[in-house]
Each structure stands twice: as C-alpha cells, then as structure tokens.
Amino acid sequence: MKTTSRLNIVEIKESDFPELLKIYQQHENMKFIMSGKSDYQLNELKEKWNILKYNTETKVGFQIIKLKSNNQIIGECGLLNSQKPKNEEVEIAYMIDKTYWNQGFGSEICRFLIEEAFETVKTERIIAGMYADNVKSIKLIEKQEFTLSNEGVSKSGIHFKEFELLRTKKRQ
C-alpha cells in the first residue's frame, strides 16, 4: 500500500469490484475515459482489471484509490506503458468519482503518480493524454508543470491533447 496525505493507493481485491463498478456505471465519471463506456457489467470490469491491474515487478498498472478516513473507494489511478520502454516513458492515468471532484484529490493523485514515475519507475518522460474538452483535467495537469506536446483527432473522431513532463523539468 502507498499513501498520500488523505489517500491510500492499493491493489484491488475481489471484494472491491462491486464498489468500483458503481463508479464505472456513472456516465459523468466515464465521459472523459477513452471508451466513454458507462454500462459496465461486473464481469467486464474484472476482465479490464485483469489486463490493466498493477504489476508489482514493473510498477505499472492500475490501483484503486481509497480515502484514509473511511476506506471508501473514490477512483483508480496508475502508470501505464506507452509505446516506448518504461524507463523512457509512461502514461499517467486517473479517474475519480464525481462525488469527490473539486476537493484537491486530483492534484494529490497526480503528485503521487509523478513521484512514482520518476523515483520508482525511473522514467525520463511522463505523458498525459486527454479529451480536449476535459478542461478541468487539462488545468490540473498544467498545474503539475506538464506542457502540451501533441494535439489531434483520434481515429474515433475525438479531439485530444497530450501533455508531457520531462524528468529534467521536474520541480525540485
């Protein structure tokens, strides 16, 4: 288990899936996630997590986010492999239940993931891809000193932006 001031970042357990599923089934939570899918069934969620779950050896993959105060699951986060070796580049990813938006949890999670990427994974570059109309996440990532590195339209027609943070630019 890893922690921030208010959060525990932990590997998922079988008993966590029903609570996480409730978050996945809310359109507002999922509208800026790549597929936009919000009609997940329990078996689909488990299949997704079986592929993307945290790997203790590589230190990449998703973990769940729980409040320290009451152990409530509020979302997921992780470092993901990009198309480059992880020592060159990883992607930062997070999703927080709308109930917990605008409370500083996004910043707390981003700072945690940045530290994990540079200090634990030892990557040189972190990327963050998002829908161009996800204004709050763009502001959040820019506050963490990420800079715009790419912009375009995906194969599915969605306007996206990609940001980067280089180890050499990391705050001291």
C-alpha atoms as a PDB file:
ATOM      1  CA  MET A   1       0.000   0.000   0.000  1.00  0.00           C
ATOM      2  CA  LYS A   2       1.157   3.500  -0.819  1.00  0.00           C
ATOM      3  CA  THR A   3      -0.258   6.623   0.732  1.00  0.00           C
ATOM      4  CA  THR A   4      -0.678  10.350   0.294  1.00  0.00           C
ATOM      5  CA  SER A   5      -1.868  12.718   2.976  1.00  0.00           C
ATOM      6  CA  ARG A   6      -5.538  11.706   2.587  1.00  0.00           C
ATOM      7  CA  LEU A   7      -5.458   8.630   0.372  1.00  0.00           C
ATOM      8  CA  ASN A   8      -4.383   5.007   0.240  1.00  0.00           C
ATOM      9  CA  ILE A   9      -3.363   3.705  -3.175  1.00  0.00           C
ATOM     10  CA  VAL A  10      -3.833  -0.070  -3.096  1.00  0.00           C
ATOM     11  CA  GLU A  11      -4.088  -3.133  -5.274  1.00  0.00           C
ATOM     12  CA  ILE A  12      -7.638  -4.198  -5.951  1.00  0.00           C
ATOM     13  CA  LYS A  13      -9.200  -7.131  -4.095  1.00  0.00           C
ATOM     14  CA  GLU A  14     -12.125  -9.239  -5.218  1.00  0.00           C
ATOM     15  CA  SER A  15     -14.334  -7.577  -2.602  1.00  0.00           C
ATOM     16  CA  ASP A  16     -13.607  -4.119  -4.099  1.00  0.00           C
ATOM     17  CA  PHE A  17     -15.166  -4.766  -7.514  1.00  0.00           C
ATOM     18  CA  PRO A  18     -18.834  -4.106  -6.629  1.00  0.00           C
ATOM     19  CA  GLU A  19     -17.967  -0.699  -5.134  1.00  0.00           C
ATOM     20  CA  LEU A  20     -15.730   0.218  -8.103  1.00  0.00           C
ATOM     21  CA  LEU A  21     -18.449  -0.912 -10.509  1.00  0.00           C
ATOM     22  CA  LYS A  22     -20.806   1.728  -9.083  1.00  0.00           C
ATOM     23  CA  ILE A  23     -18.262   4.388 -10.080  1.00  0.00           C
ATOM     24  CA  TYR A  24     -17.851   2.885 -13.577  1.00  0.00           C
ATOM     25  CA  GLN A  25     -21.605   2.852 -14.132  1.00  0.00           C
ATOM     26  CA  GLN A  26     -21.967   6.623 -13.770  1.00  0.00           C
ATOM     27  CA  HIS A  27     -21.799   8.417 -17.119  1.00  0.00           C
ATOM     28  CA  GLU A  28     -20.404  11.612 -15.577  1.00  0.00           C
ATOM     29  CA  ASN A  29     -17.401   9.675 -14.225  1.00  0.00           C
ATOM     30  CA  MET A  30     -16.687   7.917 -17.521  1.00  0.00           C
ATOM     31  CA  LYS A  31     -17.361  10.593 -20.133  1.00  0.00           C
ATOM     32  CA  PHE A  32     -13.682  11.524 -20.454  1.00  0.00           C
ATOM     33  CA  ILE A  33     -12.348   7.957 -20.260  1.00  0.00           C
ATOM     34  CA  MET A  34     -11.174   6.647 -23.634  1.00  0.00           C
ATOM     35  CA  SER A  35     -14.128   4.367 -24.407  1.00  0.00           C
ATOM     36  CA  GLY A  36     -16.708   6.591 -22.685  1.00  0.00           C
ATOM     37  CA  LYS A  37     -18.453   3.367 -21.713  1.00  0.00           C
ATOM     38  CA  SER A  38     -20.591   3.587 -18.572  1.00  0.00           C
ATOM     39  CA  ASP A  39     -22.722   0.469 -18.840  1.00  0.00           C
ATOM     40  CA  TYR A  40     -20.102  -1.898 -17.443  1.00  0.00           C
ATOM     41  CA  GLN A  41     -21.119  -5.235 -16.026  1.00  0.00           C
ATOM     42  CA  LEU A  42     -19.140  -6.842 -13.220  1.00  0.00           C
ATOM     43  CA  ASN A  43     -17.507  -9.446 -15.483  1.00  0.00           C
ATOM     44  CA  GLU A  44     -16.373  -6.719 -17.945  1.00  0.00           C
ATOM     45  CA  LEU A  45     -14.833  -4.679 -15.158  1.00  0.00           C
ATOM     46  CA  LYS A  46     -12.957  -7.709 -13.859  1.00  0.00           C
ATOM     47  CA  GLU A  47     -11.685  -8.505 -17.390  1.00  0.00           C
ATOM     48  CA  LYS A  48     -10.432  -4.939 -17.825  1.00  0.00           C
ATOM     49  CA  TRP A  49      -8.682  -5.032 -14.466  1.00  0.00           C
ATOM     50  CA  ASN A  50      -7.143  -8.412 -15.187  1.00  0.00           C
ATOM     51  CA  ILE A  51      -5.333  -6.773 -18.108  1.00  0.00           C
ATOM     52  CA  LEU A  52      -4.514  -3.400 -16.530  1.00  0.00           C
ATOM     53  CA  LYS A  53      -4.012  -4.254 -12.850  1.00  0.00           C
ATOM     54  CA  TYR A  54      -0.869  -3.163 -11.036  1.00  0.00           C
ATOM     55  CA  ASN A  55       2.221  -5.279 -11.616  1.00  0.00           C
ATOM     56  CA  THR A  56       4.468  -5.344  -8.550  1.00  0.00           C
ATOM     57  CA  GLU A  57       7.559  -6.082 -10.659  1.00  0.00           C
ATOM     58  CA  THR A  58       7.176  -3.415 -13.340  1.00  0.00           C
ATOM     59  CA  LYS A  59       5.368  -0.905 -11.066  1.00  0.00           C
ATOM     60  CA  VAL A  60       2.869  -0.066 -13.812  1.00  0.00           C
ATOM     61  CA  GLY A  61      -0.865  -0.665 -13.998  1.00  0.00           C
ATOM     62  CA  PHE A  62      -3.961   0.498 -12.162  1.00  0.00           C
ATOM     63  CA  GLN A  63      -4.600   0.566  -8.440  1.00  0.00           C
ATOM     64  CA  ILE A  64      -7.646   1.793  -6.586  1.00  0.00           C
ATOM     65  CA  ILE A  65      -7.824   4.977  -4.560  1.00  0.00           C
ATOM     66  CA  LYS A  66      -9.351   4.806  -1.070  1.00  0.00           C
ATOM     67  CA  LEU A  67      -9.947   7.543   1.456  1.00  0.00           C
ATOM     68  CA  LYS A  68      -7.844   7.045   4.572  1.00  0.00           C
ATOM     69  CA  SER A  69     -10.663   8.364   6.730  1.00  0.00           C
ATOM     70  CA  ASN A  70     -13.246   5.660   5.921  1.00  0.00           C
ATOM     71  CA  ASN A  71     -11.685   3.269   3.357  1.00  0.00           C
ATOM     72  CA  GLN A  72     -14.198   4.420   0.695  1.00  0.00           C
ATOM     73  CA  ILE A  73     -13.115   3.753  -2.910  1.00  0.00           C
ATOM     74  CA  ILE A  74     -13.116   7.051  -4.807  1.00  0.00           C
ATOM     75  CA  GLY A  75     -11.475   6.008  -8.078  1.00  0.00           C
ATOM     76  CA  GLU A  76      -8.473   4.499  -9.759  1.00  0.00           C
ATOM     77  CA  CYS A  77      -5.057   5.618 -10.871  1.00  0.00           C
ATOM     78  CA  GLY A  78      -1.886   4.291 -12.353  1.00  0.00           C
ATOM     79  CA  LEU A  79       1.088   4.487 -14.606  1.00  0.00           C
ATOM     80  CA  LEU A  80       0.626   2.777 -17.934  1.00  0.00           C
ATOM     81  CA  ASN A  81       3.078   1.518 -20.502  1.00  0.00           C
ATOM     82  CA  SER A  82       3.229   3.684 -23.583  1.00  0.00           C
ATOM     83  CA  GLN A  83       4.687   2.511 -26.869  1.00  0.00           C
ATOM     84  CA  LYS A  84       8.189   3.167 -25.550  1.00  0.00           C
ATOM     85  CA  PRO A  85      10.167   1.305 -22.859  1.00  0.00           C
ATOM     86  CA  LYS A  86       9.003   2.327 -19.363  1.00  0.00           C
ATOM     87  CA  ASN A  87      12.402   3.796 -18.480  1.00  0.00           C
ATOM     88  CA  GLU A  88      11.840   6.243 -21.352  1.00  0.00           C
ATOM     89  CA  GLU A  89       8.126   6.975 -20.956  1.00  0.00           C
ATOM     90  CA  VAL A  90       4.988   6.092 -19.004  1.00  0.00           C
ATOM     91  CA  GLU A  91       1.490   7.482 -19.159  1.00  0.00           C
ATOM     92  CA  ILE A  92      -0.272   8.891 -16.109  1.00  0.00           C
ATOM     93  CA  ALA A  93      -3.951   7.949 -15.735  1.00  0.00           C
ATOM     94  CA  TYR A  94      -6.607   8.567 -13.102  1.00  0.00           C
ATOM     95  CA  MET A  95     -10.361   8.617 -12.675  1.00  0.00           C
ATOM     96  CA  ILE A  96     -12.151   9.990  -9.631  1.00  0.00           C
ATOM     97  CA  ASP A  97     -15.805   9.563  -8.707  1.00  0.00           C
ATOM     98  CA  LYS A  98     -17.695  12.825  -9.335  1.00  0.00           C
ATOM     99  CA  THR A  99     -18.685  12.945  -5.653  1.00  0.00           C
ATOM    100  CA  TYR A 100     -15.043  13.755  -4.869  1.00  0.00           C
ATOM    101  CA  TRP A 101     -14.314  16.290  -7.631  1.00  0.00           C
ATOM    102  CA  ASN A 102     -13.088  19.783  -6.706  1.00  0.00           C
ATOM    103  CA  GLN A 103     -11.604  18.680  -3.368  1.00  0.00           C
ATOM    104  CA  GLY A 104      -7.935  18.541  -4.366  1.00  0.00           C
ATOM    105  CA  PHE A 105      -7.802  14.762  -4.772  1.00  0.00           C
ATOM    106  CA  GLY A 106      -6.782  15.044  -8.437  1.00  0.00           C
ATOM    107  CA  SER A 107      -3.741  17.137  -7.549  1.00  0.00           C
ATOM    108  CA  GLU A 108      -2.836  14.769  -4.731  1.00  0.00           C
ATOM    109  CA  ILE A 109      -3.068  11.757  -7.053  1.00  0.00           C
ATOM    110  CA  CYS A 110      -1.086  13.464  -9.828  1.00  0.00           C
ATOM    111  CA  ARG A 111       1.726  14.381  -7.446  1.00  0.00           C
ATOM    112  CA  PHE A 112       1.791  10.780  -6.192  1.00  0.00           C
ATOM    113  CA  LEU A 113       1.943   9.375  -9.738  1.00  0.00           C
ATOM    114  CA  ILE A 114       4.654  11.816 -10.813  1.00  0.00           C
ATOM    115  CA  GLU A 115       6.805  10.799  -7.875  1.00  0.00           C
ATOM    116  CA  GLU A 116       6.189   7.109  -8.608  1.00  0.00           C
ATOM    117  CA  ALA A 117       7.108   7.591 -12.272  1.00  0.00           C
ATOM    118  CA  PHE A 118      10.358   9.457 -11.644  1.00  0.00           C
ATOM    119  CA  GLU A 119      11.517   7.918  -8.354  1.00  0.00           C
ATOM    120  CA  THR A 120      10.270   4.316  -8.521  1.00  0.00           C
ATOM    121  CA  VAL A 121       9.910   3.516 -12.220  1.00  0.00           C
ATOM    122  CA  LYS A 122      12.797   5.876 -13.088  1.00  0.00           C
ATOM    123  CA  THR A 123      11.232   7.024 -16.335  1.00  0.00           C
ATOM    124  CA  GLU A 124      12.503  10.030 -18.264  1.00  0.00           C
ATOM    125  CA  ARG A 125       9.140  11.268 -19.557  1.00  0.00           C
ATOM    126  CA  ILE A 126       5.543  11.154 -18.345  1.00  0.00           C
ATOM    127  CA  ILE A 127       2.703  11.706 -20.778  1.00  0.00           C
ATOM    128  CA  ALA A 128      -0.923  12.528 -20.053  1.00  0.00           C
ATOM    129  CA  GLY A 129      -3.490  12.170 -22.810  1.00  0.00           C
ATOM    130  CA  MET A 130      -6.999  13.545 -22.525  1.00  0.00           C
ATOM    131  CA  TYR A 131     -10.004  14.802 -24.419  1.00  0.00           C
ATOM    132  CA  ALA A 132      -9.507  18.409 -25.469  1.00  0.00           C
ATOM    133  CA  ASP A 133     -12.800  19.374 -23.806  1.00  0.00           C
ATOM    134  CA  ASN A 134     -11.763  17.909 -20.431  1.00  0.00           C
ATOM    135  CA  VAL A 135     -10.932  21.410 -19.220  1.00  0.00           C
ATOM    136  CA  LYS A 136     -10.581  20.571 -15.514  1.00  0.00           C
ATOM    137  CA  SER A 137      -8.065  17.781 -16.140  1.00  0.00           C
ATOM    138  CA  ILE A 138      -6.108  19.997 -18.513  1.00  0.00           C
ATOM    139  CA  LYS A 139      -5.864  22.716 -15.853  1.00  0.00           C
ATOM    140  CA  LEU A 140      -4.883  20.121 -13.259  1.00  0.00           C
ATOM    141  CA  ILE A 141      -2.104  18.642 -15.388  1.00  0.00           C
ATOM    142  CA  GLU A 142      -0.793  22.097 -16.347  1.00  0.00           C
ATOM    143  CA  LYS A 143      -0.574  22.985 -12.628  1.00  0.00           C
ATOM    144  CA  GLN A 144       1.739  19.974 -12.301  1.00  0.00           C
ATOM    145  CA  GLU A 145       4.008  21.656 -14.913  1.00  0.00           C
ATOM    146  CA  PHE A 146       3.104  19.393 -17.826  1.00  0.00           C
ATOM    147  CA  THR A 147       3.313  21.088 -21.228  1.00  0.00           C
ATOM    148  CA  LEU A 148       1.337  20.431 -24.395  1.00  0.00           C
ATOM    149  CA  SER A 149       3.297  18.084 -26.667  1.00  0.00           C
ATOM    150  CA  ASN A 150       0.719  16.855 -29.180  1.00  0.00           C
ATOM    151  CA  GLU A 151      -2.816  17.543 -30.291  1.00  0.00           C
ATOM    152  CA  GLY A 152      -5.072  15.944 -32.852  1.00  0.00           C
ATOM    153  CA  VAL A 153      -8.143  13.924 -33.642  1.00  0.00           C
ATOM    154  CA  SER A 154      -8.325  10.223 -32.742  1.00  0.00           C
ATOM    155  CA  LYS A 155      -9.485   7.504 -35.128  1.00  0.00           C
ATOM    156  CA  SER A 156     -12.864   7.692 -33.406  1.00  0.00           C
ATOM    157  CA  GLY A 157     -13.111  11.426 -34.141  1.00  0.00           C
ATOM    158  CA  ILE A 158     -12.345  12.753 -30.651  1.00  0.00           C
ATOM    159  CA  HIS A 159     -10.173  15.858 -30.336  1.00  0.00           C
ATOM    160  CA  PHE A 160      -7.378  15.045 -27.885  1.00  0.00           C
ATOM    161  CA  LYS A 161      -4.406  16.722 -26.265  1.00  0.00           C
ATOM    162  CA  GLU A 162      -1.264  15.063 -24.997  1.00  0.00           C
ATOM    163  CA  PHE A 163       0.916  16.673 -22.351  1.00  0.00           C
ATOM    164  CA  GLU A 164       4.388  15.765 -21.158  1.00  0.00           C
ATOM    165  CA  LEU A 165       6.583  16.232 -18.136  1.00  0.00           C
ATOM    166  CA  LEU A 166      10.276  15.514 -18.511  1.00  0.00           C
ATOM    167  CA  ARG A 167      12.482  14.372 -15.657  1.00  0.00           C
ATOM    168  CA  THR A 168      14.781  17.319 -16.381  1.00  0.00           C
ATOM    169  CA  LYS A 169      11.827  19.711 -15.892  1.00  0.00           C
ATOM    170  CA  LYS A 170      10.603  18.097 -12.681  1.00  0.00           C
ATOM    171  CA  ARG A 171      10.203  20.509  -9.797  1.00  0.00           C
ATOM    172  CA  GLN A 172      12.984  20.395  -7.253  1.00  0.00           C
END
